[in-house]
Amino acid sequence: MAGVWGRALAVWLLIVVAESIHGTLRVLFLQPLVGDFPARRLAVFSGMAIIFAISWLGVRWIGARGSRQWLAIGAAWVALIVAFEVGLGRLVMHLSWDRILEDYDPSRGGLMLLGLAVMGLSPWAAARWRAAG
């Protein structure tokens, strides 16, 4: 069991690296064109594609079995990414709680809950898709 969870953590770390590069590119290239908040909103969609692609590539290597385990991995990824984003935002970037929560608040236009839902379901969906293919 530790092997599956260790590999799931490794794939999550790859997602973090890819999303960090994605965020840097967003700030450098998209944000100057459309502004900060619109760029963050648009990047949720490309970020979801990145997450699913890495999940799809990694599911065979992770080797989990059954929907329950895939959904547990997705839930763990969501918890880890929220902790990472909040920690990065507060401790490194010195963002206010209001600025961090803006991305998660649909009433304020934030789409991160959608991104988190995709992250949570990606291991399960990718495993099902790979099994059907």
N, C-alpha and C. Protein backbone atom coordinates (compact mmCIF):
# COMPACT_ATOMS: atom_id res chain seq x y z
N MET A 1 0.82 -1.21 0.00
CA MET A 1 0.00 0.00 0.00
C MET A 1 0.86 1.26 0.00
N ALA A 2 1.98 1.24 0.73
CA ALA A 2 2.86 2.42 0.77
C ALA A 2 3.39 2.73 -0.63
N GLY A 3 3.60 1.72 -1.44
CA GLY A 3 4.08 1.95 -2.80
C GLY A 3 3.10 2.75 -3.63
N VAL A 4 1.85 2.40 -3.55
CA VAL A 4 0.82 3.13 -4.30
C VAL A 4 0.78 4.58 -3.83
N TRP A 5 0.78 4.79 -2.53
CA TRP A 5 0.68 6.15 -2.00
C TRP A 5 1.95 6.96 -2.27
N GLY A 6 3.09 6.32 -2.25
CA GLY A 6 4.33 7.01 -2.59
C GLY A 6 4.34 7.44 -4.05
N ARG A 7 3.88 6.54 -4.93
CA ARG A 7 3.80 6.90 -6.35
C ARG A 7 2.75 7.98 -6.59
N ALA A 8 1.63 7.91 -5.86
CA ALA A 8 0.60 8.95 -5.99
C ALA A 8 1.16 10.30 -5.55
N LEU A 9 1.96 10.30 -4.50
CA LEU A 9 2.59 11.55 -4.05
C LEU A 9 3.58 12.06 -5.09
N ALA A 10 4.33 11.17 -5.71
CA ALA A 10 5.28 11.58 -6.76
C ALA A 10 4.55 12.21 -7.94
N VAL A 11 3.42 11.64 -8.33
CA VAL A 11 2.65 12.22 -9.44
C VAL A 11 2.09 13.57 -9.03
N TRP A 12 1.64 13.69 -7.78
CA TRP A 12 1.16 14.98 -7.29
C TRP A 12 2.28 16.02 -7.34
N LEU A 13 3.48 15.63 -6.95
CA LEU A 13 4.62 16.57 -7.01
C LEU A 13 4.88 17.01 -8.45
N LEU A 14 4.74 16.09 -9.39
CA LEU A 14 4.88 16.46 -10.80
C LEU A 14 3.81 17.47 -11.20
N ILE A 15 2.59 17.27 -10.72
CA ILE A 15 1.51 18.22 -10.98
C ILE A 15 1.87 19.59 -10.41
N VAL A 16 2.41 19.62 -9.19
CA VAL A 16 2.79 20.89 -8.56
C VAL A 16 3.86 21.60 -9.39
N VAL A 17 4.85 20.87 -9.85
CA VAL A 17 5.89 21.48 -10.69
C VAL A 17 5.28 22.02 -11.98
N ALA A 18 4.46 21.21 -12.64
CA ALA A 18 3.83 21.65 -13.89
C ALA A 18 2.94 22.86 -13.66
N GLU A 19 2.18 22.86 -12.58
CA GLU A 19 1.30 23.99 -12.29
C GLU A 19 2.09 25.23 -11.89
N SER A 20 3.23 25.05 -11.27
CA SER A 20 4.08 26.19 -10.93
C SER A 20 4.63 26.84 -12.19
N ILE A 21 5.06 26.03 -13.14
CA ILE A 21 5.51 26.55 -14.43
C ILE A 21 4.35 27.22 -15.15
N HIS A 22 3.19 26.57 -15.12
CA HIS A 22 1.98 27.12 -15.73
C HIS A 22 1.66 28.49 -15.13
N GLY A 23 1.75 28.61 -13.80
CA GLY A 23 1.47 29.89 -13.14
C GLY A 23 2.46 30.97 -13.52
N THR A 24 3.72 30.60 -13.64
CA THR A 24 4.75 31.56 -14.05
C THR A 24 4.48 32.05 -15.46
N LEU A 25 4.16 31.13 -16.35
CA LEU A 25 3.84 31.52 -17.74
C LEU A 25 2.60 32.39 -17.80
N ARG A 26 1.62 32.08 -16.94
CA ARG A 26 0.40 32.90 -16.88
C ARG A 26 0.75 34.33 -16.52
N VAL A 27 1.58 34.51 -15.49
CA VAL A 27 1.95 35.85 -15.04
C VAL A 27 2.76 36.58 -16.11
N LEU A 28 3.66 35.88 -16.76
CA LEU A 28 4.53 36.52 -17.75
C LEU A 28 3.82 36.87 -19.05
N PHE A 29 2.93 36.01 -19.51
CA PHE A 29 2.38 36.18 -20.85
C PHE A 29 0.89 36.52 -20.91
N LEU A 30 0.08 35.89 -20.08
CA LEU A 30 -1.36 36.12 -20.15
C LEU A 30 -1.80 37.32 -19.32
N GLN A 31 -1.28 37.43 -18.13
CA GLN A 31 -1.68 38.51 -17.23
C GLN A 31 -1.47 39.90 -17.84
N PRO A 32 -0.36 40.18 -18.52
CA PRO A 32 -0.21 41.52 -19.13
C PRO A 32 -1.28 41.82 -20.20
N LEU A 33 -1.81 40.77 -20.80
CA LEU A 33 -2.81 40.97 -21.86
C LEU A 33 -4.22 41.19 -21.33
N VAL A 34 -4.58 40.44 -20.28
CA VAL A 34 -5.98 40.47 -19.83
C VAL A 34 -6.16 40.94 -18.39
N GLY A 35 -5.09 41.09 -17.64
CA GLY A 35 -5.18 41.48 -16.24
C GLY A 35 -5.06 40.28 -15.32
N ASP A 36 -4.85 40.55 -14.05
CA ASP A 36 -4.57 39.49 -13.07
C ASP A 36 -5.73 38.53 -12.87
N PHE A 37 -6.88 39.03 -12.45
CA PHE A 37 -7.99 38.12 -12.13
C PHE A 37 -8.50 37.36 -13.36
N PRO A 38 -8.71 38.03 -14.51
CA PRO A 38 -9.11 37.26 -15.69
C PRO A 38 -8.09 36.19 -16.08
N ALA A 39 -6.80 36.50 -15.93
CA ALA A 39 -5.77 35.51 -16.25
C ALA A 39 -5.86 34.32 -15.31
N ARG A 40 -6.08 34.58 -14.03
CA ARG A 40 -6.23 33.47 -13.07
C ARG A 40 -7.44 32.62 -13.41
N ARG A 41 -8.52 33.25 -13.81
CA ARG A 41 -9.73 32.50 -14.18
C ARG A 41 -9.50 31.64 -15.41
N LEU A 42 -8.91 32.22 -16.45
CA LEU A 42 -8.64 31.47 -17.68
C LEU A 42 -7.68 30.31 -17.42
N ALA A 43 -6.70 30.55 -16.57
CA ALA A 43 -5.69 29.52 -16.31
C ALA A 43 -6.26 28.31 -15.57
N VAL A 44 -7.40 28.47 -14.93
CA VAL A 44 -8.03 27.31 -14.29
C VAL A 44 -8.31 26.23 -15.34
N PHE A 45 -8.76 26.63 -16.51
CA PHE A 45 -9.12 25.66 -17.55
C PHE A 45 -7.89 24.95 -18.12
N SER A 46 -6.85 25.71 -18.43
CA SER A 46 -5.62 25.05 -18.91
C SER A 46 -4.99 24.23 -17.79
N GLY A 47 -5.11 24.71 -16.56
CA GLY A 47 -4.60 23.94 -15.42
C GLY A 47 -5.32 22.61 -15.26
N MET A 48 -6.62 22.61 -15.48
CA MET A 48 -7.37 21.35 -15.40
C MET A 48 -6.90 20.37 -16.46
N ALA A 49 -6.60 20.88 -17.65
CA ALA A 49 -6.09 20.00 -18.71
C ALA A 49 -4.73 19.43 -18.33
N ILE A 50 -3.87 20.24 -17.74
CA ILE A 50 -2.56 19.78 -17.30
C ILE A 50 -2.71 18.69 -16.23
N ILE A 51 -3.57 18.94 -15.26
CA ILE A 51 -3.79 17.97 -14.19
C ILE A 51 -4.30 16.65 -14.75
N PHE A 52 -5.28 16.73 -15.65
CA PHE A 52 -5.82 15.48 -16.19
C PHE A 52 -4.78 14.75 -17.03
N ALA A 53 -4.01 15.49 -17.82
CA ALA A 53 -2.99 14.86 -18.65
C ALA A 53 -1.94 14.14 -17.81
N ILE A 54 -1.48 14.78 -16.75
CA ILE A 54 -0.50 14.13 -15.87
C ILE A 54 -1.12 12.94 -15.16
N SER A 55 -2.37 13.07 -14.76
CA SER A 55 -3.07 11.94 -14.14
C SER A 55 -3.17 10.78 -15.11
N TRP A 56 -3.54 11.07 -16.33
CA TRP A 56 -3.69 10.03 -17.35
C TRP A 56 -2.36 9.32 -17.59
N LEU A 57 -1.28 10.10 -17.64
CA LEU A 57 0.04 9.51 -17.85
C LEU A 57 0.51 8.70 -16.64
N GLY A 58 0.08 9.09 -15.44
CA GLY A 58 0.60 8.46 -14.23
C GLY A 58 -0.20 7.33 -13.64
N VAL A 59 -1.45 7.13 -14.07
CA VAL A 59 -2.29 6.16 -13.37
C VAL A 59 -1.76 4.73 -13.45
N ARG A 60 -1.23 4.33 -14.57
CA ARG A 60 -0.71 2.96 -14.66
C ARG A 60 0.47 2.77 -13.72
N TRP A 61 1.33 3.76 -13.63
CA TRP A 61 2.48 3.68 -12.75
C TRP A 61 2.07 3.68 -11.28
N ILE A 62 1.07 4.49 -10.93
CA ILE A 62 0.60 4.52 -9.54
C ILE A 62 0.10 3.13 -9.15
N GLY A 63 -0.71 2.53 -10.00
CA GLY A 63 -1.13 1.16 -9.80
C GLY A 63 -2.19 0.93 -8.73
N ALA A 64 -2.97 1.94 -8.41
CA ALA A 64 -4.06 1.75 -7.44
C ALA A 64 -5.11 0.81 -8.02
N ARG A 65 -5.92 0.27 -7.16
CA ARG A 65 -6.97 -0.66 -7.59
C ARG A 65 -8.32 -0.22 -7.02
N GLY A 66 -9.26 -0.09 -7.90
CA GLY A 66 -10.63 0.18 -7.48
C GLY A 66 -10.94 1.66 -7.37
N SER A 67 -12.19 1.98 -7.61
CA SER A 67 -12.66 3.37 -7.59
C SER A 67 -12.41 4.04 -6.25
N ARG A 68 -12.62 3.31 -5.17
CA ARG A 68 -12.45 3.90 -3.84
C ARG A 68 -11.02 4.40 -3.64
N GLN A 69 -10.04 3.60 -4.06
CA GLN A 69 -8.65 4.00 -3.89
C GLN A 69 -8.30 5.19 -4.80
N TRP A 70 -8.80 5.17 -6.03
CA TRP A 70 -8.55 6.30 -6.93
C TRP A 70 -9.17 7.59 -6.39
N LEU A 71 -10.37 7.50 -5.85
CA LEU A 71 -11.01 8.69 -5.29
C LEU A 71 -10.30 9.16 -4.03
N ALA A 72 -9.77 8.23 -3.24
CA ALA A 72 -8.99 8.60 -2.05
C ALA A 72 -7.71 9.33 -2.46
N ILE A 73 -7.07 8.86 -3.52
CA ILE A 73 -5.88 9.55 -4.03
C ILE A 73 -6.25 10.96 -4.48
N GLY A 74 -7.35 11.09 -5.21
CA GLY A 74 -7.80 12.41 -5.64
C GLY A 74 -8.09 13.33 -4.46
N ALA A 75 -8.73 12.81 -3.43
CA ALA A 75 -9.01 13.61 -2.24
C ALA A 75 -7.71 14.04 -1.56
N ALA A 76 -6.75 13.14 -1.50
CA ALA A 76 -5.45 13.49 -0.91
C ALA A 76 -4.77 14.58 -1.73
N TRP A 77 -4.83 14.46 -3.06
CA TRP A 77 -4.23 15.49 -3.92
C TRP A 77 -4.88 16.85 -3.66
N VAL A 78 -6.20 16.87 -3.49
CA VAL A 78 -6.90 18.14 -3.24
C VAL A 78 -6.44 18.73 -1.92
N ALA A 79 -6.39 17.91 -0.87
CA ALA A 79 -5.96 18.42 0.43
C ALA A 79 -4.53 18.95 0.36
N LEU A 80 -3.66 18.21 -0.31
CA LEU A 80 -2.26 18.64 -0.44
C LEU A 80 -2.13 19.93 -1.24
N ILE A 81 -2.89 20.05 -2.32
CA ILE A 81 -2.75 21.25 -3.16
C ILE A 81 -3.31 22.48 -2.46
N VAL A 82 -4.39 22.32 -1.71
CA VAL A 82 -4.92 23.47 -0.96
C VAL A 82 -3.90 23.91 0.09
N ALA A 83 -3.32 22.95 0.82
CA ALA A 83 -2.31 23.30 1.81
C ALA A 83 -1.10 23.97 1.14
N PHE A 84 -0.69 23.45 0.00
CA PHE A 84 0.44 24.02 -0.73
C PHE A 84 0.13 25.45 -1.18
N GLU A 85 -1.04 25.64 -1.79
CA GLU A 85 -1.40 26.96 -2.32
C GLU A 85 -1.56 27.99 -1.20
N VAL A 86 -2.21 27.60 -0.12
CA VAL A 86 -2.38 28.53 0.99
C VAL A 86 -1.03 28.85 1.62
N GLY A 87 -0.21 27.81 1.83
CA GLY A 87 1.12 28.05 2.38
C GLY A 87 1.97 28.94 1.49
N LEU A 88 1.97 28.66 0.20
CA LEU A 88 2.73 29.48 -0.74
C LEU A 88 2.19 30.91 -0.75
N GLY A 89 0.88 31.03 -0.82
CA GLY A 89 0.26 32.35 -0.87
C GLY A 89 0.53 33.18 0.38
N ARG A 90 0.38 32.57 1.53
CA ARG A 90 0.55 33.31 2.79
C ARG A 90 2.02 33.51 3.16
N LEU A 91 2.81 32.45 3.08
CA LEU A 91 4.17 32.50 3.62
C LEU A 91 5.21 33.02 2.63
N VAL A 92 5.01 32.74 1.35
CA VAL A 92 6.01 33.14 0.36
C VAL A 92 5.59 34.42 -0.37
N MET A 93 4.35 34.44 -0.84
CA MET A 93 3.89 35.57 -1.63
C MET A 93 3.25 36.67 -0.78
N HIS A 94 3.02 36.39 0.49
CA HIS A 94 2.44 37.35 1.44
C HIS A 94 1.09 37.88 0.99
N LEU A 95 0.27 36.98 0.44
CA LEU A 95 -1.08 37.36 0.00
C LEU A 95 -2.02 37.41 1.19
N SER A 96 -3.00 38.28 1.11
CA SER A 96 -4.01 38.36 2.17
C SER A 96 -4.95 37.16 2.07
N TRP A 97 -5.64 36.87 3.17
CA TRP A 97 -6.64 35.81 3.14
C TRP A 97 -7.72 36.14 2.13
N ASP A 98 -8.09 37.41 2.04
CA ASP A 98 -9.13 37.82 1.09
C ASP A 98 -8.70 37.51 -0.34
N ARG A 99 -7.45 37.78 -0.68
CA ARG A 99 -6.95 37.51 -2.03
C ARG A 99 -6.92 36.02 -2.33
N ILE A 100 -6.51 35.21 -1.36
CA ILE A 100 -6.48 33.76 -1.54
C ILE A 100 -7.89 33.22 -1.71
N LEU A 101 -8.81 33.65 -0.85
CA LEU A 101 -10.18 33.13 -0.88
C LEU A 101 -10.94 33.59 -2.12
N GLU A 102 -10.53 34.69 -2.72
CA GLU A 102 -11.18 35.19 -3.94
C GLU A 102 -11.19 34.11 -5.03
N ASP A 103 -10.10 33.38 -5.17
CA ASP A 103 -10.01 32.35 -6.20
C ASP A 103 -10.97 31.18 -5.96
N TYR A 104 -11.35 30.97 -4.71
CA TYR A 104 -12.21 29.84 -4.35
C TYR A 104 -13.68 30.22 -4.23
N ASP A 105 -14.00 31.50 -4.34
CA ASP A 105 -15.35 31.99 -4.10
C ASP A 105 -16.09 32.19 -5.42
N PRO A 106 -17.02 31.28 -5.77
CA PRO A 106 -17.76 31.43 -7.03
C PRO A 106 -18.57 32.72 -7.10
N SER A 107 -19.04 33.23 -5.96
CA SER A 107 -19.83 34.46 -5.97
C SER A 107 -18.98 35.67 -6.36
N ARG A 108 -17.67 35.52 -6.28
CA ARG A 108 -16.74 36.59 -6.67
C ARG A 108 -16.05 36.26 -7.99
N GLY A 109 -16.52 35.21 -8.66
CA GLY A 109 -15.95 34.84 -9.95
C GLY A 109 -14.82 33.83 -9.88
N GLY A 110 -14.48 33.37 -8.68
CA GLY A 110 -13.41 32.39 -8.53
C GLY A 110 -13.81 31.03 -9.06
N LEU A 111 -12.89 30.37 -9.73
CA LEU A 111 -13.17 29.08 -10.35
C LEU A 111 -12.34 27.93 -9.76
N MET A 112 -11.61 28.20 -8.70
CA MET A 112 -10.72 27.18 -8.16
C MET A 112 -11.47 25.96 -7.62
N LEU A 113 -12.69 26.11 -7.16
CA LEU A 113 -13.44 24.94 -6.71
C LEU A 113 -13.66 23.97 -7.87
N LEU A 114 -13.87 24.51 -9.05
CA LEU A 114 -13.99 23.68 -10.24
C LEU A 114 -12.67 22.96 -10.51
N GLY A 115 -11.58 23.68 -10.41
CA GLY A 115 -10.27 23.08 -10.59
C GLY A 115 -9.99 22.00 -9.55
N LEU A 116 -10.40 22.24 -8.30
CA LEU A 116 -10.20 21.23 -7.25
C LEU A 116 -11.06 20.00 -7.51
N ALA A 117 -12.27 20.21 -8.02
CA ALA A 117 -13.13 19.06 -8.34
C ALA A 117 -12.49 18.21 -9.43
N VAL A 118 -11.94 18.86 -10.43
CA VAL A 118 -11.26 18.11 -11.50
C VAL A 118 -10.05 17.37 -10.94
N MET A 119 -9.28 18.04 -10.09
CA MET A 119 -8.12 17.37 -9.49
C MET A 119 -8.57 16.16 -8.67
N GLY A 120 -9.63 16.31 -7.91
CA GLY A 120 -10.10 15.21 -7.08
C GLY A 120 -10.61 14.02 -7.88
N LEU A 121 -11.17 14.29 -9.03
CA LEU A 121 -11.73 13.21 -9.86
C LEU A 121 -10.77 12.70 -10.92
N SER A 122 -9.70 13.43 -11.19
CA SER A 122 -8.79 13.06 -12.28
C SER A 122 -8.17 11.67 -12.14
N PRO A 123 -7.67 11.27 -10.97
CA PRO A 123 -7.09 9.92 -10.90
C PRO A 123 -8.12 8.84 -11.24
N TRP A 124 -9.31 8.98 -10.70
CA TRP A 124 -10.38 8.00 -10.97
C TRP A 124 -10.77 8.01 -12.44
N ALA A 125 -11.01 9.22 -13.01
CA ALA A 125 -11.44 9.33 -14.40
C ALA A 125 -10.34 8.84 -15.34
N ALA A 126 -9.09 9.20 -15.06
CA ALA A 126 -7.99 8.76 -15.92
C ALA A 126 -7.84 7.23 -15.88
N ALA A 127 -7.97 6.67 -14.69
CA ALA A 127 -7.87 5.20 -14.56
C ALA A 127 -8.99 4.51 -15.34
N ARG A 128 -10.18 5.04 -15.25
CA ARG A 128 -11.31 4.46 -15.99
C ARG A 128 -11.12 4.59 -17.48
N TRP A 129 -10.63 5.74 -17.92
CA TRP A 129 -10.41 5.99 -19.33
C TRP A 129 -9.30 5.07 -19.86
N ARG A 130 -8.22 4.95 -19.08
CA ARG A 130 -7.11 4.09 -19.52
C ARG A 130 -7.55 2.63 -19.58
N ALA A 131 -8.41 2.21 -18.64
CA ALA A 131 -8.89 0.83 -18.62
C ALA A 131 -9.82 0.56 -19.81
N ALA A 132 -10.55 1.59 -20.25
CA ALA A 132 -11.48 1.41 -21.36
C ALA A 132 -10.75 1.44 -22.70
N GLY A 133 -9.54 2.00 -22.73
CA GLY A 133 -8.83 2.20 -23.99
C GLY A 133 -8.01 1.04 -24.43
